[in-house]
Amino acid sequence: MNRVKFRQGGVSRGSYKFAFKRSVLAVAFGLCVANGVQAQSTTGSIHGSAPEGATVIITNNSGFSRTVTVDASGNYNIRSLPIGTYTVTAKQGEETIGTRTVPIRVGAGADVSFGDPDVIETVMVTGERLPAIDTGATDTRVVITSEQLNRMPIGRSAEDIALLAPGANGGAAGYFDGLVSFGGAGISENAYYINGFISSDPLSNLGGFDLPFGAIDQQETYTGGYGAKYGRSSGGVINQVGKRGDNEFHYGAQVVFRPKELRSSGPKTYFQDMELPEGYEYENESLVGTLYERKSEDFSWSSTYSGYVSGPLIENTLFGFVAYETELEEMQNSPKATQNQFLEEGETDTSKLYAKLDWNVSEDHLLEFTYMQEKEDYDGSYSAWEFEKGKKGESLDISPNVDGHESEFTILNYTGFLTETLTLNAMYGHGSFTYYDTPVGTLDYPYISSYRNQDPSIVGDNFVQGLAGGYNGRDAEDTTDGIRLNLEWVLGDHTLTFGIDNMEFEAENEGTMQFTDVWVYAHATDPSKPISSVLGVGAPGGDGYYVYQYFYETATTMKLEQDAYYIEDSWQVTDDILLNLGLRNDKFTNYNNVGEAYMESDDQWAPRLGVAWDVFGDSSLKLFANAGRYYLAMPNNVAIRGASASTYTREYFTYTGVDPETGAPTGLTALGPGPVSSNGEYGEPVDPLAFAPADLESMYQDEYIMGFEKTFLEDWTYGAKFTFRDLKSGIDDVCDPYSMLDKLSEMGVDPDTVDWQYCYMFNPGDTNTFSLANLDASGNPTGTRTEVTMSADDWGMPKLKREYKAIDLFVERPFDGKWELRVDYTYSKLQGNTEGQVKSEFGQDNISKTQDWDVAELMMFSDGYLANDRRHQLKVRGSYALTDEVLLSANASIKSGMPISCLGYYNPDGSIDESSPAGDPVSYGSSYHTCFGSVAEPGKERTPWTRNLDLAVTYTPAMFEDKLSLSLQVFNVLDEQEPLQVDVTSEEGPYTVSNTYRVPIAYQTPRYAMLTATLNF
């Protein structure tokens, strides 16, 4: 679908002997899952070997205790354990064989084995000293603990933590800041979880909600290869597990300041001054080479206050943890030269509450309750701005929109150890979300855009900006409900898992509402050419100045159901080989505003296969491989501008005057038939049976991973893996009714006898069958339908393609109380003709309704390197205890640039053809993969390489008995400010070059500092 386009606004290790079958080195403290424990969980497991018939007892500091008997093969396995530190004791009758103390990480398993009691000593394993290789893991992920977060210089969001994962990179700067791309997937293809319940944005799946920073116990970031228990992600998974109470009473507080005075200034940006090909001119010659933006006047500063209390409500039985965090961020944004000259100043007030109750109902039954609330409000003001001087003027009576959201989560989880071999997990969760974005003040004035394109013969140098602070808004309520049942049965060498995983997302009044008129001024270099002959919009004539009235309104209601069931077998084939076999079936149903299903999938079987081989049987070398298929549902917002009625029109005029107060045009003369829409969006109802074909196949991706991990020296691990991802099916909209009408004519069907539409959902590059309502002579539905099958050739489309190939290398030395180091290098290629559900080149976030695939002409010459391609990524992080009181730490990255596209009018042979429809055969403007008469191969050029170095020093004075900690973190120490994204739209009209083409949209964040004081008791 055509885009909406506006240029506006230490504990040391004990001694022990290796007398058991599997070394304690197999404790999975690092990157992977053990023995079938999977992502999005909140638990881990303990397993191992011991003499047949022995009993193994595990306990923790919250009164939790489990006792199991070692089976005939000399093995035991205790699953679904809340994360934390456990004491593991093995007994033969009344005699104690040995005791271990081990920490458990989320989704991971610890191998704790016992052999001859004459050589086994009680031992403490700290969990960060040992360079663990988990020989039970067939997937790839990174787990970061709260202790690591306290040591590292790192931002305070889930995405900042996730970016530590190999190959992960941030979303398109300036458009999708704060989001993450994993393994070449789009930023909307990830899944977010809190304590095992989905916390992804329920409307668009763009991002998710996260815990207060101090309440994070562990964050698990999956980059691929998870088992059949989990799906609905073709990118990555971010799973946060919150802290919980135990038998010890704790409380604390933290203050974080990000001062304005310790921040560097951003650069100045100028309009481009390129040597243009013959026949091309800039839209506004007076702007060439002049100042475009003062990044030095864009900055923010913040203060964050947080606290927590934790402990027993009933000793050994009921425990609580409560954390609260509030942040006040103040900001200033100066306008670009092309925007209304208003300086925006504002405050964002964000608060988060997290509470958790854990109840040991009995030794065999556990209940957990989680409550989380987040509230964010923004309020701002405008002042006049002298652009050339960079000087603030008087306060204005207008204001930016006030906006914010409030969300609540309630999660109830039950774990029942029904027998020693049978465990039941049941979870129910509910999320509610309210969003608002509302213009303030009077709505009597129109909103004026691109005011500097006003006709100078009318206004001279006295451009009129207008008096409206905003023109559109949002007032929505969404809900998320989910239930999950998971039954695990340990049957000898097999651990069988059966489960269901059902979710429902509802959205009410979601989308955009327009509150006032919008006028957009424009100028054509050649006034004699029609603005759009396809839509019947004529030439402006005169000096080429014209204006159009813009209207965009999409608010609607919708629902999405996602149901799944699965079976999985984690089979220990031999002592050294583990095989994970899984099968998942996903079903997705999308409903429009009147409750009619417009997309409904059949059975979608997703096989998963993983294998891990402990080559020498001592956990010193592991080979692993994984293959799987992953389905992705269409988020709720597909119904917006799709399955529900929407309006998106422009009406074109010339004008003879400009109101000196409001900036509105006067003396209007129409240039066309009235409001026109490239996609036929005129607010009319949509036929849901026609909108999406019954044989529409959900988006899915196949993934293949293979690699190894190896220990060396005493404490080090290194490894490599190869990943191949192949997007096999996608969904987008096609807005080419004329190709369908041609097919109907070939079938002998009169197009006037069917109710055809402008846009349909389809599988790009595949064949779909559409059902169109038949009409009688009066244009009324007859109750019968005509089926029309459209192939890729019928649409004139290429085959969909997105392939990701990557080699990841790593070396790691875990923290031993003195120092640690982790180095990751990723070499990758991401090629194809579709990024996924969004379009990062210009920030189009209409999920699966991008302008790609709308018509064949837009996909010509589109194959190349995609927006999330980064050829090289090097990530290094580590810390060093200079003394017992002073800790130094660093986090660094070096990345190659992102591909630069060029979107222009359609003239691949360079001709200026007077007979052609202005180089715009489908009325999409500057949206074709041709620029200045040549094919613009995506990714042929790139943004510069970037380097980023973050440093921190933490002081924990001994005189306060480790209760007080002071930290200084400095981000982007080298103050690198390379451009991260540039404007890729080359023309504003045929042979009329945009002044902002190739102008940087976003840069690296300038150097800033964060001061932290923490008290823990």
Foldseek 3Di string as FASTA:
>chain_A
DFFDDFDDDADFWDDADQPFLADQLQFPLWWFAALQQFPLAQWHKEKEFEPAQKKKWKDDQALAIDIDGQHPVRMAMGIPHGWAKMKIWIGDVPRTLEIEIDGHDHNYYGYDYGYGSVRGYYIYDPSFFFQHDNLRGFFTKGKDFLVNVVFFQFDQDLLRVLCQDPPKDAFFPLFLGPFIFAQLADSQQEWEEENSHTFADQFFSNGGDDAGSNFFGMWMKGRDFTFQQDFQGPTIYIYTYGDWAGADKKKWKKKKWFDPVFFDFFAWFAFADDDADPLFDAQDVVRHGGTWAGSRQWDKIKMKMKMKIWHAPPGSFKIKIKMKMKMKMWIWGATTPQYQGKIKIKIKIKMKIKMKMWGCVDNFKIKIKIKMKMKIKMFIFIFGADVVVRDTHGTDPFTAWIWIKMKMKIKMWMWGPPDSFKIKIKMKMKMKMWIKTGGDDDQPFEQEGRQVLPDCVFQPPQGAHFDGNDWKMFTKMKMKIWMKMWMWGDDPQKIKIKMKIKMKMKMAQDDMDTRHKYKYKGFDCDQQAAQFVPFFFGGNDDRGIKMKIKDWTWTAIKMKIKIKIKMWMFGCPDLFKTKIWMKMWIWMWIATRVGDTLATDDTDIKIKIKMWGPPVSHSFKIKMKIKMKHFHDRRHLCNTVAQAAIATWMWMWHADHAPNHGRHGHRTDGRGDGTTDLQPRHRDHDDSQQQEFHPADTWMKIKIKIKMKGDDDRFKIKMKMKMKMWTPWAKAKAFCVPLVCVQCVVVVHHPQQWDDGRMHIHIAQAKGKGWTFGADPVRHGPPHTDITIAHNVSQLAHHWTWMKIKMKIKMWGGDHLFKIKIKIKMFMFIWTQDSGQAASQPNGSSGRHYPPNHGRQLSPLRTAGGQSDWRIKMWMWMKGAPDNFKIKIKIKMKTAFGWAAAFAAAAQQQDDDSPASQSHNSSSGRRHQHDNNHGTRTRPDGFGMDIWMKMKMKGQDCVVVSFKIKMKIKTRVVQFWTARHANRRQAPGRSHGHSRHRTGSGIPRGIIMMIMMMGMD
